[in-house]
C-alpha atoms as a PDB file:
ATOM      1  CA  MET A   1       0.000   0.000   0.000  1.00  0.00           C
ATOM      2  CA  SER A   2       1.407   3.400  -0.964  1.00  0.00           C
ATOM      3  CA  GLU A   3       1.786   6.056   1.706  1.00  0.00           C
ATOM      4  CA  ARG A   4      -0.747   8.870   1.687  1.00  0.00           C
ATOM      5  CA  ALA A   5       0.749  12.167   0.560  1.00  0.00           C
ATOM      6  CA  VAL A   6       0.724  14.867   3.240  1.00  0.00           C
ATOM      7  CA  GLY A   7       0.358  18.505   2.325  1.00  0.00           C
ATOM      8  CA  VAL A   8       1.262  20.035  -1.027  1.00  0.00           C
ATOM      9  CA  GLY A   9       4.431  20.340  -3.058  1.00  0.00           C
ATOM     10  CA  PRO A  10       6.154  23.458  -4.371  1.00  0.00           C
ATOM     11  CA  HIS A  11       3.761  25.966  -5.910  1.00  0.00           C
ATOM     12  CA  ALA A  12       3.903  26.500  -9.662  1.00  0.00           C
ATOM     13  CA  ARG A  13       5.293  29.816 -10.807  1.00  0.00           C
ATOM     14  CA  PRO A  14       4.416  32.594 -11.114  1.00  0.00           C
ATOM     15  CA  TRP A  15       3.668  32.702  -7.391  1.00  0.00           C
ATOM     16  CA  PRO A  16       0.526  34.490  -6.161  1.00  0.00           C
ATOM     17  CA  ARG A  17       1.035  38.005  -4.797  1.00  0.00           C
ATOM     18  CA  ASP A  18      -0.123  37.739  -1.203  1.00  0.00           C
ATOM     19  CA  GLU A  19       1.771  38.972   1.856  1.00  0.00           C
ATOM     20  CA  ARG A  20       0.315  36.123   3.921  1.00  0.00           C
ATOM     21  CA  LEU A  21       2.293  33.574   1.930  1.00  0.00           C
ATOM     22  CA  ASP A  22       5.721  32.230   2.917  1.00  0.00           C
ATOM     23  CA  PRO A  23       8.265  32.172   0.063  1.00  0.00           C
ATOM     24  CA  GLU A  24      10.040  29.171   1.611  1.00  0.00           C
ATOM     25  CA  LEU A  25       6.844  27.144   1.638  1.00  0.00           C
ATOM     26  CA  LEU A  26       5.950  28.228  -1.875  1.00  0.00           C
ATOM     27  CA  ALA A  27       9.374  27.091  -3.053  1.00  0.00           C
ATOM     28  CA  HIS A  28       9.640  23.797  -1.168  1.00  0.00           C
ATOM     29  CA  GLY A  29       6.060  22.738  -0.396  1.00  0.00           C
ATOM     30  CA  ASP A  30       3.922  22.715   2.736  1.00  0.00           C
ATOM     31  CA  ALA A  31       3.544  19.479   4.730  1.00  0.00           C
ATOM     32  CA  ARG A  32       2.396  21.127   7.980  1.00  0.00           C
ATOM     33  CA  ASN A  33      -0.591  19.948  10.011  1.00  0.00           C
ATOM     34  CA  VAL A  34      -2.865  22.780   8.841  1.00  0.00           C
ATOM     35  CA  GLU A  35      -6.134  22.996   6.930  1.00  0.00           C
ATOM     36  CA  ASP A  36      -5.895  23.390   3.173  1.00  0.00           C
ATOM     37  CA  ARG A  37      -7.095  26.982   3.363  1.00  0.00           C
ATOM     38  CA  TYR A  38      -3.835  27.805   5.207  1.00  0.00           C
ATOM     39  CA  ARG A  39      -1.455  26.100   2.776  1.00  0.00           C
ATOM     40  CA  TYR A  40       1.668  28.194   2.175  1.00  0.00           C
ATOM     41  CA  TRP A  41       0.593  30.807   4.769  1.00  0.00           C
ATOM     42  CA  ARG A  42       3.136  32.215   7.210  1.00  0.00           C
ATOM     43  CA  ARG A  43       2.620  31.081  10.792  1.00  0.00           C
ATOM     44  CA  GLU A  44       2.008  34.669  11.926  1.00  0.00           C
ATOM     45  CA  ALA A  45      -0.653  35.086   9.248  1.00  0.00           C
ATOM     46  CA  ILE A  46      -2.441  31.921  10.376  1.00  0.00           C
ATOM     47  CA  VAL A  47      -2.429  33.079  14.005  1.00  0.00           C
ATOM     48  CA  ALA A  48      -3.772  36.497  13.002  1.00  0.00           C
ATOM     49  CA  ASP A  49      -6.554  34.914  10.956  1.00  0.00           C
ATOM     50  CA  LEU A  50      -7.512  32.553  13.779  1.00  0.00           C
ATOM     51  CA  ASP A  51      -7.586  35.494  16.195  1.00  0.00           C
ATOM     52  CA  ARG A  52     -10.550  36.903  14.271  1.00  0.00           C
ATOM     53  CA  THR A  53     -12.758  33.982  15.209  1.00  0.00           C
ATOM     54  CA  ARG A  54     -11.369  32.397  18.380  1.00  0.00           C
ATOM     55  CA  HIS A  55     -13.880  31.455  21.050  1.00  0.00           C
ATOM     56  CA  ALA A  56     -14.125  32.968  24.515  1.00  0.00           C
ATOM     57  CA  LEU A  57     -13.305  29.633  26.160  1.00  0.00           C
ATOM     58  CA  HIS A  58      -9.899  29.172  27.832  1.00  0.00           C
ATOM     59  CA  ILE A  59      -8.431  25.966  29.236  1.00  0.00           C
ATOM     60  CA  ALA A  60      -5.835  25.377  31.952  1.00  0.00           C
ATOM     61  CA  ILE A  61      -3.692  22.311  32.569  1.00  0.00           C
ATOM     62  CA  GLU A  62      -1.712  21.432  35.689  1.00  0.00           C
ATOM     63  CA  ASN A  63       1.824  20.462  34.739  1.00  0.00           C
ATOM     64  CA  VAL A  64       3.229  18.385  37.570  1.00  0.00           C
ATOM     65  CA  GLU A  65       4.332  15.269  35.659  1.00  0.00           C
ATOM     66  CA  ASP A  66       5.794  14.461  32.249  1.00  0.00           C
ATOM     67  CA  ASP A  67       2.358  13.807  30.772  1.00  0.00           C
ATOM     68  CA  ARG A  68       2.027  13.486  26.994  1.00  0.00           C
ATOM     69  CA  ASN A  69      -1.704  14.110  27.344  1.00  0.00           C
ATOM     70  CA  ILE A  70      -0.976  17.818  27.726  1.00  0.00           C
ATOM     71  CA  GLY A  71      -0.029  18.023  24.078  1.00  0.00           C
ATOM     72  CA  SER A  72      -3.162  16.144  23.039  1.00  0.00           C
ATOM     73  CA  ILE A  73      -5.322  18.545  25.050  1.00  0.00           C
ATOM     74  CA  VAL A  74      -3.650  21.524  23.377  1.00  0.00           C
ATOM     75  CA  ARG A  75      -4.214  19.949  19.958  1.00  0.00           C
ATOM     76  CA  THR A  76      -7.938  19.666  20.732  1.00  0.00           C
ATOM     77  CA  ALA A  77      -7.962  23.279  21.938  1.00  0.00           C
ATOM     78  CA  ASN A  78      -6.591  24.291  18.558  1.00  0.00           C
ATOM     79  CA  ALA A  79      -9.241  22.260  16.741  1.00  0.00           C
ATOM     80  CA  PHE A  80     -11.958  24.122  18.648  1.00  0.00           C
ATOM     81  CA  ALA A  81     -10.297  27.551  18.244  1.00  0.00           C
ATOM     82  CA  VAL A  82     -10.031  28.002  22.015  1.00  0.00           C
ATOM     83  CA  GLY A  83      -8.980  31.520  22.959  1.00  0.00           C
ATOM     84  CA  ALA A  84      -5.881  30.494  24.931  1.00  0.00           C
ATOM     85  CA  PHE A  85      -4.429  27.694  27.001  1.00  0.00           C
ATOM     86  CA  HIS A  86      -2.755  28.052  30.408  1.00  0.00           C
ATOM     87  CA  ILE A  87       0.040  25.898  31.769  1.00  0.00           C
ATOM     88  CA  VAL A  88       0.113  25.859  35.577  1.00  0.00           C
ATOM     89  CA  GLY A  89       3.251  24.697  37.384  1.00  0.00           C
ATOM     90  CA  ARG A  90       6.370  23.836  35.434  1.00  0.00           C
ATOM     91  CA  ARG A  91       6.915  26.104  32.459  1.00  0.00           C
ATOM     92  CA  ARG A  92       8.242  23.283  30.282  1.00  0.00           C
ATOM     93  CA  TRP A  93       5.659  20.716  29.217  1.00  0.00           C
ATOM     94  CA  ASN A  94       5.525  17.673  26.940  1.00  0.00           C
ATOM     95  CA  ARG A  95       4.629  19.107  23.514  1.00  0.00           C
ATOM     96  CA  ARG A  96       4.854  15.872  21.570  1.00  0.00           C
ATOM     97  CA  GLY A  97       1.124  15.220  21.378  1.00  0.00           C
ATOM     98  CA  ALA A  98       0.378  18.761  20.250  1.00  0.00           C
ATOM     99  CA  MET A  99       1.668  17.986  16.742  1.00  0.00           C
ATOM    100  CA  VAL A 100       2.977  21.593  16.512  1.00  0.00           C
ATOM    101  CA  THR A 101      -0.567  23.003  16.895  1.00  0.00           C
ATOM    102  CA  ASP A 102       0.598  24.960  19.961  1.00  0.00           C
ATOM    103  CA  ARG A 103       2.428  27.292  17.560  1.00  0.00           C
ATOM    104  CA  TYR A 104      -0.967  28.619  16.435  1.00  0.00           C
ATOM    105  CA  GLN A 105      -2.372  29.091  19.949  1.00  0.00           C
ATOM    106  CA  HIS A 106      -1.865  31.672  22.695  1.00  0.00           C
ATOM    107  CA  GLU A 107      -0.052  30.166  25.684  1.00  0.00           C
ATOM    108  CA  LEU A 108      -0.002  31.648  29.190  1.00  0.00           C
ATOM    109  CA  HIS A 109       2.006  30.350  32.148  1.00  0.00           C
ATOM    110  CA  HIS A 110       1.218  30.549  35.873  1.00  0.00           C
ATOM    111  CA  ALA A 111       3.568  29.328  38.574  1.00  0.00           C
ATOM    112  CA  SER A 112       0.737  28.133  40.817  1.00  0.00           C
ATOM    113  CA  MET A 113      -3.002  27.646  40.979  1.00  0.00           C
ATOM    114  CA  ALA A 114      -3.209  30.724  43.197  1.00  0.00           C
ATOM    115  CA  ASP A 115      -1.644  32.733  40.373  1.00  0.00           C
ATOM    116  CA  LEU A 116      -4.143  31.330  37.889  1.00  0.00           C
ATOM    117  CA  ALA A 117      -7.002  32.196  40.246  1.00  0.00           C
ATOM    118  CA  ALA A 118      -5.737  35.783  40.585  1.00  0.00           C
ATOM    119  CA  TRP A 119      -5.556  36.090  36.798  1.00  0.00           C
ATOM    120  CA  ALA A 120      -9.075  34.698  36.411  1.00  0.00           C
ATOM    121  CA  ARG A 121     -10.510  37.152  38.955  1.00  0.00           C
ATOM    122  CA  ALA A 122      -8.894  40.077  37.135  1.00  0.00           C
ATOM    123  CA  GLU A 123     -10.282  38.835  33.808  1.00  0.00           C
ATOM    124  CA  HIS A 124     -13.751  38.049  35.237  1.00  0.00           C
ATOM    125  CA  ARG A 125     -13.473  34.404  34.305  1.00  0.00           C
ATOM    126  CA  GLU A 126     -14.805  31.368  36.155  1.00  0.00           C
ATOM    127  CA  LEU A 127     -12.496  28.430  36.856  1.00  0.00           C
ATOM    128  CA  ILE A 128     -14.295  25.120  36.414  1.00  0.00           C
ATOM    129  CA  ALA A 129     -12.607  21.844  37.324  1.00  0.00           C
ATOM    130  CA  ILE A 130     -13.118  18.800  35.092  1.00  0.00           C
ATOM    131  CA  ASP A 131     -12.520  15.775  37.322  1.00  0.00           C
ATOM    132  CA  ASN A 132     -14.470  13.005  39.021  1.00  0.00           C
ATOM    133  CA  PRO A 133     -14.039  13.309  42.810  1.00  0.00           C
ATOM    134  CA  PRO A 134     -17.009  12.493  45.067  1.00  0.00           C
ATOM    135  CA  GLY A 135     -19.695  15.160  44.819  1.00  0.00           C
ATOM    136  CA  ALA A 136     -18.834  16.339  41.309  1.00  0.00           C
ATOM    137  CA  GLU A 137     -21.775  17.539  39.216  1.00  0.00           C
ATOM    138  CA  PRO A 138     -22.592  15.841  35.896  1.00  0.00           C
ATOM    139  CA  LEU A 139     -21.024  17.819  33.056  1.00  0.00           C
ATOM    140  CA  GLU A 140     -23.820  16.907  30.665  1.00  0.00           C
ATOM    141  CA  HIS A 141     -26.388  18.754  32.807  1.00  0.00           C
ATOM    142  CA  ALA A 142     -24.264  21.825  33.551  1.00  0.00           C
ATOM    143  CA  ALA A 143     -24.690  25.282  32.052  1.00  0.00           C
ATOM    144  CA  LEU A 144     -21.176  26.498  31.257  1.00  0.00           C
ATOM    145  CA  PRO A 145     -20.416  30.226  31.376  1.00  0.00           C
ATOM    146  CA  GLU A 146     -19.147  31.765  28.172  1.00  0.00           C
ATOM    147  CA  ARG A 147     -16.032  33.161  29.879  1.00  0.00           C
ATOM    148  CA  ALA A 148     -15.088  29.832  31.396  1.00  0.00           C
ATOM    149  CA  VAL A 149     -11.650  28.395  32.055  1.00  0.00           C
ATOM    150  CA  LEU A 150     -11.902  24.604  32.068  1.00  0.00           C
ATOM    151  CA  VAL A 151      -9.187  23.188  34.325  1.00  0.00           C
ATOM    152  CA  PHE A 152      -7.650  19.760  33.720  1.00  0.00           C
ATOM    153  CA  GLY A 153      -5.222  17.678  35.763  1.00  0.00           C
ATOM    154  CA  GLN A 154      -2.725  14.936  35.015  1.00  0.00           C
ATOM    155  CA  GLU A 155      -3.537  11.437  33.805  1.00  0.00           C
ATOM    156  CA  GLY A 156      -2.802   9.643  37.078  1.00  0.00           C
ATOM    157  CA  PRO A 157      -3.498  11.895  40.050  1.00  0.00           C
ATOM    158  CA  GLY A 158      -6.088  14.154  38.440  1.00  0.00           C
ATOM    159  CA  LEU A 159      -6.441  17.683  39.757  1.00  0.00           C
ATOM    160  CA  SER A 160      -4.556  18.644  42.897  1.00  0.00           C
ATOM    161  CA  PRO A 161      -6.381  19.770  46.064  1.00  0.00           C
ATOM    162  CA  GLU A 162      -5.072  23.288  45.346  1.00  0.00           C
ATOM    163  CA  ALA A 163      -6.702  23.252  41.911  1.00  0.00           C
ATOM    164  CA  LEU A 164     -10.022  21.969  43.210  1.00  0.00           C
ATOM    165  CA  ALA A 165      -9.978  24.635  45.916  1.00  0.00           C
ATOM    166  CA  VAL A 166      -9.712  27.578  43.496  1.00  0.00           C
ATOM    167  CA  CYS A 167     -12.385  26.305  41.095  1.00  0.00           C
ATOM    168  CA  THR A 168     -15.980  27.368  41.635  1.00  0.00           C
ATOM    169  CA  ARG A 169     -17.388  24.041  40.449  1.00  0.00           C
ATOM    170  CA  THR A 170     -16.204  20.519  39.707  1.00  0.00           C
ATOM    171  CA  LEU A 171     -17.852  18.731  36.788  1.00  0.00           C
ATOM    172  CA  ALA A 172     -17.547  15.046  35.905  1.00  0.00           C
ATOM    173  CA  ILE A 173     -18.431  13.125  32.758  1.00  0.00           C
ATOM    174  CA  THR A 174     -20.940  10.396  33.553  1.00  0.00           C
ATOM    175  CA  GLN A 175     -19.578   6.938  32.762  1.00  0.00           C
ATOM    176  CA  TYR A 176     -21.408   3.663  32.288  1.00  0.00           C
ATOM    177  CA  GLY A 177     -18.673   1.033  32.130  1.00  0.00           C
ATOM    178  CA  SER A 178     -16.227  -0.513  34.583  1.00  0.00           C
ATOM    179  CA  THR A 179     -13.258   1.848  34.245  1.00  0.00           C
ATOM    180  CA  ARG A 180     -12.646   4.299  37.072  1.00  0.00           C
ATOM    181  CA  SER A 181     -11.923   7.269  34.846  1.00  0.00           C
ATOM    182  CA  LEU A 182     -11.566   8.490  31.292  1.00  0.00           C
ATOM    183  CA  ASN A 183      -8.217   9.360  29.778  1.00  0.00           C
ATOM    184  CA  VAL A 184      -7.691  13.045  30.585  1.00  0.00           C
ATOM    185  CA  ALA A 185      -7.202  14.004  26.930  1.00  0.00           C
ATOM    186  CA  ALA A 186     -10.488  12.293  26.028  1.00  0.00           C
ATOM    187  CA  ALA A 187     -12.245  13.991  28.941  1.00  0.00           C
ATOM    188  CA  ALA A 188     -10.868  17.369  27.871  1.00  0.00           C
ATOM    189  CA  ALA A 189     -12.154  16.876  24.329  1.00  0.00           C
ATOM    190  CA  ILE A 190     -15.633  16.033  25.614  1.00  0.00           C
ATOM    191  CA  ALA A 191     -15.665  19.028  27.970  1.00  0.00           C
ATOM    192  CA  MET A 192     -14.519  21.477  25.295  1.00  0.00           C
ATOM    193  CA  HIS A 193     -17.100  20.145  22.869  1.00  0.00           C
ATOM    194  CA  MET A 194     -19.800  20.549  25.513  1.00  0.00           C
ATOM    195  CA  TRP A 195     -18.874  24.245  25.775  1.00  0.00           C
ATOM    196  CA  MET A 196     -18.999  24.521  21.971  1.00  0.00           C
ATOM    197  CA  LEU A 197     -22.496  23.032  21.891  1.00  0.00           C
ATOM    198  CA  GLN A 198     -23.657  25.735  24.304  1.00  0.00           C
ATOM    199  CA  HIS A 199     -21.831  28.789  22.978  1.00  0.00           C
ATOM    200  CA  ALA A 200     -20.281  28.344  19.528  1.00  0.00           C
ATOM    201  CA  ARG A 201     -22.269  29.704  16.619  1.00  0.00           C
ATOM    202  CA  PRO A 202     -22.420  27.372  13.607  1.00  0.00           C
ATOM    203  CA  GLY A 203     -19.557  28.293  11.313  1.00  0.00           C
ATOM    204  CA  SER A 204     -18.251  30.963  13.710  1.00  0.00           C
ATOM    205  CA  SER A 205     -14.708  29.600  13.692  1.00  0.00           C
ATOM    206  CA  ARG A 206     -14.682  28.547  10.046  1.00  0.00           C
ATOM    207  CA  PRO A 207     -16.047  31.452   7.989  1.00  0.00           C
ATOM    208  CA  GLU A 208     -16.979  30.781   4.401  1.00  0.00           C
ATOM    209  CA  ARG A 209     -14.458  32.487   2.201  1.00  0.00           C
ATOM    210  CA  PRO A 210     -12.335  31.547  -0.788  1.00  0.00           C
ATOM    211  CA  GLY A 211      -8.796  30.392  -0.150  1.00  0.00           C
ATOM    212  CA  PRO A 212      -5.883  32.579  -1.167  1.00  0.00           C
ATOM    213  CA  LEU A 213      -4.636  30.273  -3.889  1.00  0.00           C
ATOM    214  CA  PRO A 214      -5.992  28.713  -7.061  1.00  0.00           C
ATOM    215  CA  PRO A 215      -6.059  24.894  -7.230  1.00  0.00           C
ATOM    216  CA  LEU A 216      -2.709  23.355  -7.972  1.00  0.00           C
ATOM    217  CA  PRO A 217      -2.310  21.545 -11.287  1.00  0.00           C
END
């Protein structure tokens, strides 16, 4: 079986006149993990275009272990055009699962949960924990505020007591099988999509408009 081609090759000359386009990509091809409408665009141009339609939702992730799920959560945040993601704890985090999508997102760092809580108060945002300790409310029945920050923990320990203490609510995804918990990246995807169902306008993050380039021969 032949391998599936990824991206596009060098663009035929003459090149289109568009300041959003990267001459290096036009010359050598574009195999990045981006939608076709962004082929050959400069990274800065993609970020600027996404900024026009990002959602109000933010997410925060505790970084206390070398957890590859952090990257997967960030990748999902990019897919849903989340406004920004926050890393709480260690500044360095495992980016492998992000598949370079973090380059198109806004990243903020906080040394502690107390620092995140202070930031959220100043920005009039509500911190909402996504975890399954005793007493957690069902996520599927919760009304999520538009200016929410969904807070996620690590794969093993979940959210720390400090994180749960600064959040106004703790929401859990109802499960029906035998496992004790969902993978944190899967839980984050479900929680972000739940916010989208409540607040995202159809097509709001993917406006209908022609791409910058004609089809390649």
